[in-house]
Amino acid sequence: TEGVELTAEDCWNSYRVNAFAGLHMAVVASVLVGRSEHGDEMFLAMAERHAAHVDDLDSWALLA
């Protein structure tokens, strides 16, 4: 373990905070590629689903 000790709560909170990574990827990736109707629909779906994930986990509460 190299001196690293994590509780179950630490792991759960890390999971919750890192839910933002999916939302971040959806937004950044959508800016880096060429636009198309299909691409716009796909990135919108990704953003909506990752935002719902963040909301479901109440991830915002951990940023305060």
PDB file of N, CA and C in Angstrom:
ATOM      1  N   THR A   1       0.811  -1.211   0.000  1.00  0.00           N
ATOM      2  CA  THR A   1       0.000   0.000   0.000  1.00  0.00           C
ATOM      3  C   THR A   1       0.848   1.265   0.000  1.00  0.00           C
ATOM      4  N   GLU A   2       2.144   1.145   0.210  1.00  0.00           N
ATOM      5  CA  GLU A   2       3.053   2.291   0.155  1.00  0.00           C
ATOM      6  C   GLU A   2       2.604   3.458   1.031  1.00  0.00           C
ATOM      7  N   GLY A   3       1.927   3.162   2.133  1.00  0.00           N
ATOM      8  CA  GLY A   3       1.522   4.201   3.058  1.00  0.00           C
ATOM      9  C   GLY A   3       0.235   4.923   2.688  1.00  0.00           C
ATOM     10  N   VAL A   4      -0.406   4.504   1.629  1.00  0.00           N
ATOM     11  CA  VAL A   4      -1.656   5.148   1.217  1.00  0.00           C
ATOM     12  C   VAL A   4      -2.819   4.395   1.838  1.00  0.00           C
ATOM     13  N   GLU A   5      -3.640   5.125   2.549  1.00  0.00           N
ATOM     14  CA  GLU A   5      -4.799   4.507   3.179  1.00  0.00           C
ATOM     15  C   GLU A   5      -6.054   5.243   2.727  1.00  0.00           C
ATOM     16  N   LEU A   6      -6.966   4.511   2.136  1.00  0.00           N
ATOM     17  CA  LEU A   6      -8.228   5.085   1.676  1.00  0.00           C
ATOM     18  C   LEU A   6      -9.381   4.368   2.357  1.00  0.00           C
ATOM     19  N   THR A   7     -10.333   5.143   2.784  1.00  0.00           N
ATOM     20  CA  THR A   7     -11.537   4.553   3.336  1.00  0.00           C
ATOM     21  C   THR A   7     -12.528   4.331   2.201  1.00  0.00           C
ATOM     22  N   ALA A   8     -13.561   3.587   2.469  1.00  0.00           N
ATOM     23  CA  ALA A   8     -14.620   3.401   1.475  1.00  0.00           C
ATOM     24  C   ALA A   8     -15.237   4.750   1.106  1.00  0.00           C
ATOM     25  N   GLU A   9     -15.356   5.638   2.090  1.00  0.00           N
ATOM     26  CA  GLU A   9     -15.901   6.969   1.824  1.00  0.00           C
ATOM     27  C   GLU A   9     -14.973   7.771   0.913  1.00  0.00           C
ATOM     28  N   ASP A  10     -13.663   7.660   1.118  1.00  0.00           N
ATOM     29  CA  ASP A  10     -12.694   8.327   0.242  1.00  0.00           C
ATOM     30  C   ASP A  10     -12.864   7.862  -1.197  1.00  0.00           C
ATOM     31  N   CYS A  11     -12.985   6.571  -1.388  1.00  0.00           N
ATOM     32  CA  CYS A  11     -13.155   6.002  -2.732  1.00  0.00           C
ATOM     33  C   CYS A  11     -14.458   6.467  -3.362  1.00  0.00           C
ATOM     34  N   TRP A  12     -15.526   6.452  -2.597  1.00  0.00           N
ATOM     35  CA  TRP A  12     -16.824   6.879  -3.106  1.00  0.00           C
ATOM     36  C   TRP A  12     -16.791   8.353  -3.504  1.00  0.00           C
ATOM     37  N   ASN A  13     -16.220   9.188  -2.667  1.00  0.00           N
ATOM     38  CA  ASN A  13     -16.148  10.618  -2.969  1.00  0.00           C
ATOM     39  C   ASN A  13     -15.246  10.891  -4.176  1.00  0.00           C
ATOM     40  N   SER A  14     -14.182  10.127  -4.321  1.00  0.00           N
ATOM     41  CA  SER A  14     -13.326  10.271  -5.491  1.00  0.00           C
ATOM     42  C   SER A  14     -14.089   9.911  -6.760  1.00  0.00           C
ATOM     43  N   TYR A  15     -14.848   8.856  -6.700  1.00  0.00           N
ATOM     44  CA  TYR A  15     -15.694   8.457  -7.833  1.00  0.00           C
ATOM     45  C   TYR A  15     -16.670   9.575  -8.184  1.00  0.00           C
ATOM     46  N   ARG A  16     -17.304  10.137  -7.170  1.00  0.00           N
ATOM     47  CA  ARG A  16     -18.280  11.205  -7.393  1.00  0.00           C
ATOM     48  C   ARG A  16     -17.635  12.432  -8.034  1.00  0.00           C
ATOM     49  N   VAL A  17     -16.493  12.864  -7.529  1.00  0.00           N
ATOM     50  CA  VAL A  17     -15.808  14.037  -8.077  1.00  0.00           C
ATOM     51  C   VAL A  17     -15.353  13.767  -9.507  1.00  0.00           C
ATOM     52  N   ASN A  18     -14.851  12.580  -9.758  1.00  0.00           N
ATOM     53  CA  ASN A  18     -14.340  12.273 -11.088  1.00  0.00           C
ATOM     54  C   ASN A  18     -15.436  12.047 -12.121  1.00  0.00           C
ATOM     55  N   ALA A  19     -16.686  12.091 -11.711  1.00  0.00           N
ATOM     56  CA  ALA A  19     -17.784  12.054 -12.677  1.00  0.00           C
ATOM     57  C   ALA A  19     -17.728  13.275 -13.591  1.00  0.00           C
ATOM     58  N   PHE A  20     -17.110  14.344 -13.104  1.00  0.00           N
ATOM     59  CA  PHE A  20     -16.955  15.547 -13.931  1.00  0.00           C
ATOM     60  C   PHE A  20     -16.063  15.289 -15.146  1.00  0.00           C
ATOM     61  N   ALA A  21     -15.214  14.287 -15.092  1.00  0.00           N
ATOM     62  CA  ALA A  21     -14.302  14.003 -16.199  1.00  0.00           C
ATOM     63  C   ALA A  21     -15.068  13.666 -17.473  1.00  0.00           C
ATOM     64  N   GLY A  22     -16.152  12.927 -17.346  1.00  0.00           N
ATOM     65  CA  GLY A  22     -16.952  12.590 -18.522  1.00  0.00           C
ATOM     66  C   GLY A  22     -17.591  13.815 -19.136  1.00  0.00           C
ATOM     67  N   LEU A  23     -18.090  14.690 -18.306  1.00  0.00           N
ATOM     68  CA  LEU A  23     -18.695  15.935 -18.790  1.00  0.00           C
ATOM     69  C   LEU A  23     -17.631  16.799 -19.464  1.00  0.00           C
ATOM     70  N   HIS A  24     -16.483  16.882 -18.850  1.00  0.00           N
ATOM     71  CA  HIS A  24     -15.365  17.641 -19.413  1.00  0.00           C
ATOM     72  C   HIS A  24     -14.985  17.083 -20.791  1.00  0.00           C
ATOM     73  N   MET A  25     -14.871  15.770 -20.906  1.00  0.00           N
ATOM     74  CA  MET A  25     -14.479  15.155 -22.168  1.00  0.00           C
ATOM     75  C   MET A  25     -15.516  15.424 -23.256  1.00  0.00           C
ATOM     76  N   ALA A  26     -16.781  15.353 -22.913  1.00  0.00           N
ATOM     77  CA  ALA A  26     -17.832  15.605 -23.900  1.00  0.00           C
ATOM     78  C   ALA A  26     -17.739  17.019 -24.455  1.00  0.00           C
ATOM     79  N   VAL A  27     -17.481  17.978 -23.592  1.00  0.00           N
ATOM     80  CA  VAL A  27     -17.399  19.376 -24.024  1.00  0.00           C
ATOM     81  C   VAL A  27     -16.117  19.624 -24.826  1.00  0.00           C
ATOM     82  N   VAL A  28     -14.992  19.199 -24.299  1.00  0.00           N
ATOM     83  CA  VAL A  28     -13.715  19.445 -24.974  1.00  0.00           C
ATOM     84  C   VAL A  28     -13.661  18.725 -26.319  1.00  0.00           C
ATOM     85  N   ALA A  29     -14.051  17.477 -26.358  1.00  0.00           N
ATOM     86  CA  ALA A  29     -14.004  16.718 -27.604  1.00  0.00           C
ATOM     87  C   ALA A  29     -14.899  17.344 -28.674  1.00  0.00           C
ATOM     88  N   SER A  30     -16.033  17.871 -28.262  1.00  0.00           N
ATOM     89  CA  SER A  30     -16.948  18.472 -29.236  1.00  0.00           C
ATOM     90  C   SER A  30     -16.349  19.712 -29.885  1.00  0.00           C
ATOM     91  N   VAL A  31     -15.442  20.375 -29.186  1.00  0.00           N
ATOM     92  CA  VAL A  31     -14.798  21.576 -29.710  1.00  0.00           C
ATOM     93  C   VAL A  31     -13.649  21.208 -30.654  1.00  0.00           C
ATOM     94  N   LEU A  32     -13.045  20.054 -30.460  1.00  0.00           N
ATOM     95  CA  LEU A  32     -11.843  19.675 -31.193  1.00  0.00           C
ATOM     96  C   LEU A  32     -12.101  18.995 -32.538  1.00  0.00           C
ATOM     97  N   VAL A  33     -13.338  18.600 -32.799  1.00  0.00           N
ATOM     98  CA  VAL A  33     -13.633  17.881 -34.043  1.00  0.00           C
ATOM     99  C   VAL A  33     -14.500  18.735 -34.958  1.00  0.00           C
ATOM    100  N   GLY A  34     -14.531  18.352 -36.225  1.00  0.00           N
ATOM    101  CA  GLY A  34     -15.400  19.049 -37.165  1.00  0.00           C
ATOM    102  C   GLY A  34     -16.863  18.784 -36.845  1.00  0.00           C
ATOM    103  N   ARG A  35     -17.689  19.751 -37.135  1.00  0.00           N
ATOM    104  CA  ARG A  35     -19.111  19.631 -36.819  1.00  0.00           C
ATOM    105  C   ARG A  35     -19.846  18.863 -37.906  1.00  0.00           C
ATOM    106  N   SER A  36     -20.831  18.115 -37.474  1.00  0.00           N
ATOM    107  CA  SER A  36     -21.766  17.436 -38.359  1.00  0.00           C
ATOM    108  C   SER A  36     -23.056  17.230 -37.573  1.00  0.00           C
ATOM    109  N   GLU A  37     -24.120  16.976 -38.259  1.00  0.00           N
ATOM    110  CA  GLU A  37     -25.399  16.768 -37.564  1.00  0.00           C
ATOM    111  C   GLU A  37     -25.291  15.569 -36.626  1.00  0.00           C
ATOM    112  N   HIS A  38     -24.717  14.486 -37.120  1.00  0.00           N
ATOM    113  CA  HIS A  38     -24.568  13.282 -36.297  1.00  0.00           C
ATOM    114  C   HIS A  38     -23.653  13.548 -35.097  1.00  0.00           C
ATOM    115  N   GLY A  39     -22.528  14.232 -35.340  1.00  0.00           N
ATOM    116  CA  GLY A  39     -21.600  14.554 -34.257  1.00  0.00           C
ATOM    117  C   GLY A  39     -22.240  15.428 -33.199  1.00  0.00           C
ATOM    118  N   ASP A  40     -22.994  16.444 -33.643  1.00  0.00           N
ATOM    119  CA  ASP A  40     -23.671  17.327 -32.693  1.00  0.00           C
ATOM    120  C   ASP A  40     -24.637  16.542 -31.808  1.00  0.00           C
ATOM    121  N   GLU A  41     -25.381  15.627 -32.416  1.00  0.00           N
ATOM    122  CA  GLU A  41     -26.333  14.808 -31.646  1.00  0.00           C
ATOM    123  C   GLU A  41     -25.594  13.906 -30.653  1.00  0.00           C
ATOM    124  N   MET A  42     -24.483  13.334 -31.108  1.00  0.00           N
ATOM    125  CA  MET A  42     -23.718  12.430 -30.250  1.00  0.00           C
ATOM    126  C   MET A  42     -23.132  13.181 -29.055  1.00  0.00           C
ATOM    127  N   PHE A  43     -22.509  14.338 -29.306  1.00  0.00           N
ATOM    128  CA  PHE A  43     -21.898  15.085 -28.210  1.00  0.00           C
ATOM    129  C   PHE A  43     -22.958  15.652 -27.259  1.00  0.00           C
ATOM    130  N   LEU A  44     -24.105  16.015 -27.785  1.00  0.00           N
ATOM    131  CA  LEU A  44     -25.193  16.470 -26.920  1.00  0.00           C
ATOM    132  C   LEU A  44     -25.647  15.336 -26.004  1.00  0.00           C
ATOM    133  N   ALA A  45     -25.797  14.142 -26.569  1.00  0.00           N
ATOM    134  CA  ALA A  45     -26.191  12.983 -25.763  1.00  0.00           C
ATOM    135  C   ALA A  45     -25.143  12.693 -24.688  1.00  0.00           C
ATOM    136  N   MET A  46     -23.863  12.758 -25.083  1.00  0.00           N
ATOM    137  CA  MET A  46     -22.794  12.525 -24.106  1.00  0.00           C
ATOM    138  C   MET A  46     -22.858  13.546 -22.976  1.00  0.00           C
ATOM    139  N   ALA A  47     -23.000  14.812 -23.332  1.00  0.00           N
ATOM    140  CA  ALA A  47     -23.033  15.865 -22.310  1.00  0.00           C
ATOM    141  C   ALA A  47     -24.237  15.695 -21.389  1.00  0.00           C
ATOM    142  N   GLU A  48     -25.395  15.402 -21.960  1.00  0.00           N
ATOM    143  CA  GLU A  48     -26.600  15.219 -21.143  1.00  0.00           C
ATOM    144  C   GLU A  48     -26.447  14.037 -20.192  1.00  0.00           C
ATOM    145  N   ARG A  49     -25.894  12.950 -20.684  1.00  0.00           N
ATOM    146  CA  ARG A  49     -25.751  11.754 -19.847  1.00  0.00           C
ATOM    147  C   ARG A  49     -24.722  11.954 -18.741  1.00  0.00           C
ATOM    148  N   HIS A  50     -23.617  12.595 -19.072  1.00  0.00           N
ATOM    149  CA  HIS A  50     -22.609  12.842 -18.033  1.00  0.00           C
ATOM    150  C   HIS A  50     -23.101  13.879 -17.025  1.00  0.00           C
ATOM    151  N   ALA A  51     -23.854  14.865 -17.484  1.00  0.00           N
ATOM    152  CA  ALA A  51     -24.430  15.843 -16.553  1.00  0.00           C
ATOM    153  C   ALA A  51     -25.414  15.156 -15.610  1.00  0.00           C
ATOM    154  N   ALA A  52     -26.196  14.227 -16.140  1.00  0.00           N
ATOM    155  CA  ALA A  52     -27.134  13.472 -15.295  1.00  0.00           C
ATOM    156  C   ALA A  52     -26.358  12.629 -14.271  1.00  0.00           C
ATOM    157  N   HIS A  53     -25.234  12.066 -14.693  1.00  0.00           N
ATOM    158  CA  HIS A  53     -24.390  11.276 -13.793  1.00  0.00           C
ATOM    159  C   HIS A  53     -23.887  12.144 -12.643  1.00  0.00           C
ATOM    160  N   VAL A  54     -23.384  13.339 -12.985  1.00  0.00           N
ATOM    161  CA  VAL A  54     -22.913  14.284 -11.967  1.00  0.00           C
ATOM    162  C   VAL A  54     -24.059  14.646 -11.021  1.00  0.00           C
ATOM    163  N   ASP A  55     -25.218  14.901 -11.579  1.00  0.00           N
ATOM    164  CA  ASP A  55     -26.379  15.270 -10.773  1.00  0.00           C
ATOM    165  C   ASP A  55     -26.830  14.110  -9.882  1.00  0.00           C
ATOM    166  N   ASP A  56     -26.897  12.920 -10.450  1.00  0.00           N
ATOM    167  CA  ASP A  56     -27.326  11.731  -9.675  1.00  0.00           C
ATOM    168  C   ASP A  56     -26.418  11.475  -8.474  1.00  0.00           C
ATOM    169  N   LEU A  57     -25.127  11.738  -8.667  1.00  0.00           N
ATOM    170  CA  LEU A  57     -24.157  11.494  -7.578  1.00  0.00           C
ATOM    171  C   LEU A  57     -24.022  12.688  -6.644  1.00  0.00           C
ATOM    172  N   ASP A  58     -24.714  13.786  -6.935  1.00  0.00           N
ATOM    173  CA  ASP A  58     -24.597  15.016  -6.159  1.00  0.00           C
ATOM    174  C   ASP A  58     -23.129  15.433  -6.035  1.00  0.00           C
ATOM    175  N   SER A  59     -22.429  15.348  -7.175  1.00  0.00           N
ATOM    176  CA  SER A  59     -20.998  15.647  -7.192  1.00  0.00           C
ATOM    177  C   SER A  59     -20.697  17.096  -6.856  1.00  0.00           C
ATOM    178  N   TRP A  60     -21.618  17.997  -7.204  1.00  0.00           N
ATOM    179  CA  TRP A  60     -21.399  19.430  -6.916  1.00  0.00           C
ATOM    180  C   TRP A  60     -21.176  19.670  -5.425  1.00  0.00           C
ATOM    181  N   ALA A  61     -21.802  18.880  -4.584  1.00  0.00           N
ATOM    182  CA  ALA A  61     -21.694  19.067  -3.131  1.00  0.00           C
ATOM    183  C   ALA A  61     -20.263  18.899  -2.643  1.00  0.00           C
ATOM    184  N   LEU A  62     -19.466  18.135  -3.381  1.00  0.00           N
ATOM    185  CA  LEU A  62     -18.095  17.883  -2.941  1.00  0.00           C
ATOM    186  C   LEU A  62     -17.137  18.999  -3.353  1.00  0.00           C
ATOM    187  N   LEU A  63     -17.578  19.924  -4.182  1.00  0.00           N
ATOM    188  CA  LEU A  63     -16.708  20.997  -4.635  1.00  0.00           C
ATOM    189  C   LEU A  63     -16.751  22.214  -3.730  1.00  0.00           C
ATOM    190  N   ALA A  64     -17.688  22.225  -2.806  1.00  0.00           N
ATOM    191  CA  ALA A  64     -17.830  23.381  -1.905  1.00  0.00           C
ATOM    192  C   ALA A  64     -16.767  23.381  -0.834  1.00  0.00           C
TER     193      ALA A  64
END
